[in-house]
Amino acid sequence: MATFWKFYDRLETALAFLAICAMVVAVLIAAVGRTIGAPVASAPQFAQLFLIWSCMLGADLTMRAGDHIRVTALPDALPAMGRRVLTILSIALILPFLGFIAWKGYELSMGNWQRPLATSGLSYGLVTLALPVGAVLIAISLLRRWWEGGLLKVFEPDDENPETVL
């Protein structure tokens, strides 16, 4: 199972990196095209597509590393049992929310599948599909952190494992 997760982590990191690089290239092509008087009409749409995918993949990479912004005043003031209860409450709120986002995001994506992404020739559904896919990936990372690190490590940064950082 460790081999699967290692492959999964590397693939996701590579896809996030490629999405960021593709977004930068699309923006560069759009800017250069406008500057030389030959605008590329579909470049902004490709930039939009790669931006949302890099954001959602990046959010999951951040969850996987435990590096999301958090306010630690309350958890730090609580004893271990109180932190456990607070973590369970947080997970009990986050997972249904991610499920709702995945469900409604999927419906949104399927509803937009026939809509063209301007002049790019792609479906706008590819843009909106990033939302449910990202929600599912974040839920997987949350449950994985719980399984691998225990309840008190779910929302803690993973500083001792540099492979989880992009």
C-alpha atoms as a PDB file:
ATOM      1  CA  MET A   1       0.000   0.000   0.000  1.00  0.00           C
ATOM      2  CA  ALA A   2       2.916   2.348   0.689  1.00  0.00           C
ATOM      3  CA  THR A   3       4.013   2.031  -2.939  1.00  0.00           C
ATOM      4  CA  PHE A   4       0.555   3.079  -4.131  1.00  0.00           C
ATOM      5  CA  TRP A   5       0.552   6.186  -1.926  1.00  0.00           C
ATOM      6  CA  LYS A   6       4.069   7.113  -2.998  1.00  0.00           C
ATOM      7  CA  PHE A   7       2.994   6.902  -6.659  1.00  0.00           C
ATOM      8  CA  TYR A   8      -0.253   8.771  -5.883  1.00  0.00           C
ATOM      9  CA  ASP A   9       1.629  11.571  -4.086  1.00  0.00           C
ATOM     10  CA  ARG A  10       4.189  11.977  -6.867  1.00  0.00           C
ATOM     11  CA  LEU A  11       1.539  11.932  -9.590  1.00  0.00           C
ATOM     12  CA  GLU A  12      -0.547  14.554  -7.844  1.00  0.00           C
ATOM     13  CA  THR A  13       2.474  16.760  -7.199  1.00  0.00           C
ATOM     14  CA  ALA A  14       3.531  16.448 -10.840  1.00  0.00           C
ATOM     15  CA  LEU A  15       0.018  17.296 -12.067  1.00  0.00           C
ATOM     16  CA  ALA A  16      -0.120  20.374  -9.816  1.00  0.00           C
ATOM     17  CA  PHE A  17       3.288  21.487 -11.076  1.00  0.00           C
ATOM     18  CA  LEU A  18       2.255  20.938 -14.707  1.00  0.00           C
ATOM     19  CA  ALA A  19      -0.989  22.882 -14.167  1.00  0.00           C
ATOM     20  CA  ILE A  20       0.937  25.852 -12.748  1.00  0.00           C
ATOM     21  CA  CYS A  21       3.470  25.735 -15.587  1.00  0.00           C
ATOM     22  CA  ALA A  22       0.713  25.460 -18.203  1.00  0.00           C
ATOM     23  CA  MET A  23      -1.106  28.422 -16.648  1.00  0.00           C
ATOM     24  CA  VAL A  24       2.042  30.544 -16.781  1.00  0.00           C
ATOM     25  CA  VAL A  25       2.658  29.565 -20.405  1.00  0.00           C
ATOM     26  CA  ALA A  26      -0.960  30.367 -21.340  1.00  0.00           C
ATOM     27  CA  VAL A  27      -0.751  33.795 -19.698  1.00  0.00           C
ATOM     28  CA  LEU A  28       2.607  34.435 -21.383  1.00  0.00           C
ATOM     29  CA  ILE A  29       1.212  33.465 -24.794  1.00  0.00           C
ATOM     30  CA  ALA A  30      -1.797  35.730 -24.257  1.00  0.00           C
ATOM     31  CA  ALA A  31       0.393  38.656 -23.207  1.00  0.00           C
ATOM     32  CA  VAL A  32       2.932  38.245 -25.998  1.00  0.00           C
ATOM     33  CA  GLY A  33       0.166  37.782 -28.545  1.00  0.00           C
ATOM     34  CA  ARG A  34      -1.547  40.999 -27.477  1.00  0.00           C
ATOM     35  CA  THR A  35       1.772  42.860 -27.423  1.00  0.00           C
ATOM     36  CA  ILE A  36       2.696  41.933 -30.978  1.00  0.00           C
ATOM     37  CA  GLY A  37      -0.816  42.586 -32.261  1.00  0.00           C
ATOM     38  CA  ALA A  38      -1.771  38.943 -32.781  1.00  0.00           C
ATOM     39  CA  PRO A  39      -3.896  38.029 -29.755  1.00  0.00           C
ATOM     40  CA  VAL A  40      -4.524  34.356 -29.058  1.00  0.00           C
ATOM     41  CA  ALA A  41      -8.220  34.280 -28.229  1.00  0.00           C
ATOM     42  CA  SER A  42      -8.189  30.952 -26.398  1.00  0.00           C
ATOM     43  CA  ALA A  43      -5.111  31.591 -24.215  1.00  0.00           C
ATOM     44  CA  PRO A  44      -7.073  33.254 -21.343  1.00  0.00           C
ATOM     45  CA  GLN A  45      -9.501  30.328 -21.276  1.00  0.00           C
ATOM     46  CA  PHE A  46      -6.651  27.844 -21.034  1.00  0.00           C
ATOM     47  CA  ALA A  47      -5.136  29.977 -18.260  1.00  0.00           C
ATOM     48  CA  GLN A  48      -8.480  29.840 -16.419  1.00  0.00           C
ATOM     49  CA  LEU A  49      -8.644  26.067 -16.823  1.00  0.00           C
ATOM     50  CA  PHE A  50      -5.125  25.521 -15.520  1.00  0.00           C
ATOM     51  CA  LEU A  51      -5.584  28.052 -12.707  1.00  0.00           C
ATOM     52  CA  ILE A  52      -8.564  26.266 -11.154  1.00  0.00           C
ATOM     53  CA  TRP A  53      -6.892  22.866 -11.465  1.00  0.00           C
ATOM     54  CA  SER A  54      -3.658  24.149  -9.902  1.00  0.00           C
ATOM     55  CA  CYS A  55      -5.664  25.743  -7.073  1.00  0.00           C
ATOM     56  CA  MET A  56      -7.579  22.564  -6.284  1.00  0.00           C
ATOM     57  CA  LEU A  57      -4.545  20.295  -6.568  1.00  0.00           C
ATOM     58  CA  GLY A  58      -2.541  22.777  -4.491  1.00  0.00           C
ATOM     59  CA  ALA A  59      -5.248  22.822  -1.819  1.00  0.00           C
ATOM     60  CA  ASP A  60      -5.013  19.047  -1.610  1.00  0.00           C
ATOM     61  CA  LEU A  61      -1.218  19.105  -1.443  1.00  0.00           C
ATOM     62  CA  THR A  62      -1.544  21.604   1.391  1.00  0.00           C
ATOM     63  CA  MET A  63      -4.029  19.359   3.221  1.00  0.00           C
ATOM     64  CA  ARG A  64      -1.761  16.379   2.701  1.00  0.00           C
ATOM     65  CA  ALA A  65       1.124  18.295   4.321  1.00  0.00           C
ATOM     66  CA  GLY A  66      -1.075  19.714   7.106  1.00  0.00           C
ATOM     67  CA  ASP A  67      -0.165  23.262   6.113  1.00  0.00           C
ATOM     68  CA  HIS A  68      -3.580  24.918   5.841  1.00  0.00           C
ATOM     69  CA  ILE A  69      -4.024  28.115   7.815  1.00  0.00           C
ATOM     70  CA  ARG A  70      -5.298  27.370  11.293  1.00  0.00           C
ATOM     71  CA  VAL A  71      -5.972  29.250  14.492  1.00  0.00           C
ATOM     72  CA  THR A  72      -4.297  27.303  17.274  1.00  0.00           C
ATOM     73  CA  ALA A  73      -5.255  29.366  20.331  1.00  0.00           C
ATOM     74  CA  LEU A  74      -8.204  27.158  21.308  1.00  0.00           C
ATOM     75  CA  PRO A  75      -6.663  23.743  20.535  1.00  0.00           C
ATOM     76  CA  ASP A  76      -3.428  24.698  22.295  1.00  0.00           C
ATOM     77  CA  ALA A  77      -5.372  25.726  25.407  1.00  0.00           C
ATOM     78  CA  LEU A  78      -7.213  22.407  25.590  1.00  0.00           C
ATOM     79  CA  PRO A  79      -6.004  19.153  27.111  1.00  0.00           C
ATOM     80  CA  ALA A  80      -5.464  16.181  24.769  1.00  0.00           C
ATOM     81  CA  MET A  81      -9.057  14.951  25.215  1.00  0.00           C
ATOM     82  CA  GLY A  82     -10.441  18.392  24.350  1.00  0.00           C
ATOM     83  CA  ARG A  83      -8.248  18.549  21.230  1.00  0.00           C
ATOM     84  CA  ARG A  84      -9.529  15.115  20.210  1.00  0.00           C
ATOM     85  CA  VAL A  85     -13.148  16.238  20.595  1.00  0.00           C
ATOM     86  CA  LEU A  86     -12.435  19.453  18.664  1.00  0.00           C
ATOM     87  CA  THR A  87     -10.708  17.481  15.900  1.00  0.00           C
ATOM     88  CA  ILE A  88     -13.605  15.028  15.650  1.00  0.00           C
ATOM     89  CA  LEU A  89     -16.053  17.938  15.497  1.00  0.00           C
ATOM     90  CA  SER A  90     -13.964  19.590  12.762  1.00  0.00           C
ATOM     91  CA  ILE A  91     -13.769  16.381  10.727  1.00  0.00           C
ATOM     92  CA  ALA A  92     -17.509  15.823  11.236  1.00  0.00           C
ATOM     93  CA  LEU A  93     -18.131  19.254   9.698  1.00  0.00           C
ATOM     94  CA  ILE A  94     -15.471  19.173   6.967  1.00  0.00           C
ATOM     95  CA  LEU A  95     -16.210  15.758   5.437  1.00  0.00           C
ATOM     96  CA  PRO A  96     -19.950  16.355   4.807  1.00  0.00           C
ATOM     97  CA  PHE A  97     -19.108  19.792   3.414  1.00  0.00           C
ATOM     98  CA  LEU A  98     -16.559  18.268   1.023  1.00  0.00           C
ATOM     99  CA  GLY A  99     -19.124  15.618   0.066  1.00  0.00           C
ATOM    100  CA  PHE A 100     -21.688  18.334  -0.661  1.00  0.00           C
ATOM    101  CA  ILE A 101     -19.146  20.265  -2.750  1.00  0.00           C
ATOM    102  CA  ALA A 102     -18.244  17.085  -4.658  1.00  0.00           C
ATOM    103  CA  TRP A 103     -21.901  16.239  -5.306  1.00  0.00           C
ATOM    104  CA  LYS A 104     -23.017  19.725  -6.358  1.00  0.00           C
ATOM    105  CA  GLY A 105     -19.748  20.320  -8.216  1.00  0.00           C
ATOM    106  CA  TYR A 106     -20.309  17.160 -10.219  1.00  0.00           C
ATOM    107  CA  GLU A 107     -23.837  18.298 -11.076  1.00  0.00           C
ATOM    108  CA  LEU A 108     -22.469  21.696 -12.097  1.00  0.00           C
ATOM    109  CA  SER A 109     -19.803  20.072 -14.218  1.00  0.00           C
ATOM    110  CA  MET A 110     -22.219  17.769 -16.007  1.00  0.00           C
ATOM    111  CA  GLY A 111     -24.587  20.693 -16.562  1.00  0.00           C
ATOM    112  CA  ASN A 112     -21.766  22.668 -18.165  1.00  0.00           C
ATOM    113  CA  TRP A 113     -20.356  19.841 -20.259  1.00  0.00           C
ATOM    114  CA  GLN A 114     -22.048  21.012 -23.476  1.00  0.00           C
ATOM    115  CA  ARG A 115     -21.020  24.629 -22.862  1.00  0.00           C
ATOM    116  CA  PRO A 116     -17.896  25.531 -24.825  1.00  0.00           C
ATOM    117  CA  LEU A 117     -14.936  27.170 -23.112  1.00  0.00           C
ATOM    118  CA  ALA A 118     -15.029  30.208 -25.417  1.00  0.00           C
ATOM    119  CA  THR A 119     -12.832  29.727 -28.479  1.00  0.00           C
ATOM    120  CA  SER A 120     -10.659  26.963 -27.013  1.00  0.00           C
ATOM    121  CA  GLY A 121     -12.829  24.144 -28.320  1.00  0.00           C
ATOM    122  CA  LEU A 122     -12.859  22.512 -24.879  1.00  0.00           C
ATOM    123  CA  SER A 123     -15.819  21.983 -22.593  1.00  0.00           C
ATOM    124  CA  TYR A 124     -16.448  24.393 -19.717  1.00  0.00           C
ATOM    125  CA  GLY A 125     -17.205  21.218 -17.767  1.00  0.00           C
ATOM    126  CA  LEU A 126     -13.435  20.654 -17.562  1.00  0.00           C
ATOM    127  CA  VAL A 127     -13.125  23.889 -15.574  1.00  0.00           C
ATOM    128  CA  THR A 128     -15.967  23.081 -13.186  1.00  0.00           C
ATOM    129  CA  LEU A 129     -14.851  19.442 -12.826  1.00  0.00           C
ATOM    130  CA  ALA A 130     -11.867  20.667 -10.789  1.00  0.00           C
ATOM    131  CA  LEU A 131     -14.199  21.466  -7.876  1.00  0.00           C
ATOM    132  CA  PRO A 132     -15.612  17.980  -7.220  1.00  0.00           C
ATOM    133  CA  VAL A 133     -12.300  16.293  -7.994  1.00  0.00           C
ATOM    134  CA  GLY A 134     -10.506  18.636  -5.608  1.00  0.00           C
ATOM    135  CA  ALA A 135     -13.096  18.054  -2.872  1.00  0.00           C
ATOM    136  CA  VAL A 136     -12.705  14.278  -3.166  1.00  0.00           C
ATOM    137  CA  LEU A 137      -8.900  14.552  -3.128  1.00  0.00           C
ATOM    138  CA  ILE A 138      -8.988  16.769  -0.027  1.00  0.00           C
ATOM    139  CA  ALA A 139     -11.326  14.315   1.729  1.00  0.00           C
ATOM    140  CA  ILE A 140      -8.954  11.456   0.874  1.00  0.00           C
ATOM    141  CA  SER A 141      -6.000  13.413   2.241  1.00  0.00           C
ATOM    142  CA  LEU A 142      -7.883  14.299   5.423  1.00  0.00           C
ATOM    143  CA  LEU A 143      -8.855  10.678   6.069  1.00  0.00           C
ATOM    144  CA  ARG A 144      -5.362   9.515   5.184  1.00  0.00           C
ATOM    145  CA  ARG A 145      -3.778  11.958   7.644  1.00  0.00           C
ATOM    146  CA  TRP A 146      -6.164  10.651  10.319  1.00  0.00           C
ATOM    147  CA  TRP A 147      -5.365   7.025   9.492  1.00  0.00           C
ATOM    148  CA  GLU A 148      -1.582   7.468   9.286  1.00  0.00           C
ATOM    149  CA  GLY A 149      -0.988  10.020  12.028  1.00  0.00           C
ATOM    150  CA  GLY A 150      -3.786   9.580  14.502  1.00  0.00           C
ATOM    151  CA  LEU A 151      -6.480  11.986  15.555  1.00  0.00           C
ATOM    152  CA  LEU A 152      -4.242  14.639  17.099  1.00  0.00           C
ATOM    153  CA  LYS A 153      -2.024  14.846  13.995  1.00  0.00           C
ATOM    154  CA  VAL A 154      -4.800  15.464  11.440  1.00  0.00           C
ATOM    155  CA  PHE A 155      -4.417  19.240  11.378  1.00  0.00           C
ATOM    156  CA  GLU A 156      -0.783  19.482  12.444  1.00  0.00           C
ATOM    157  CA  PRO A 157       1.945  20.386   9.936  1.00  0.00           C
ATOM    158  CA  ASP A 158       3.987  17.475   8.621  1.00  0.00           C
ATOM    159  CA  ASP A 159       7.396  19.146   9.065  1.00  0.00           C
ATOM    160  CA  GLU A 160       9.334  15.927   9.573  1.00  0.00           C
ATOM    161  CA  ASN A 161       8.387  14.521   6.136  1.00  0.00           C
ATOM    162  CA  PRO A 162       9.840  16.776   3.407  1.00  0.00           C
ATOM    163  CA  GLU A 163       8.389  14.578   0.633  1.00  0.00           C
ATOM    164  CA  THR A 164       4.891  15.930   1.353  1.00  0.00           C
ATOM    165  CA  VAL A 165       5.932  19.464   0.476  1.00  0.00           C
ATOM    166  CA  LEU A 166       5.866  20.607  -3.132  1.00  0.00           C
END
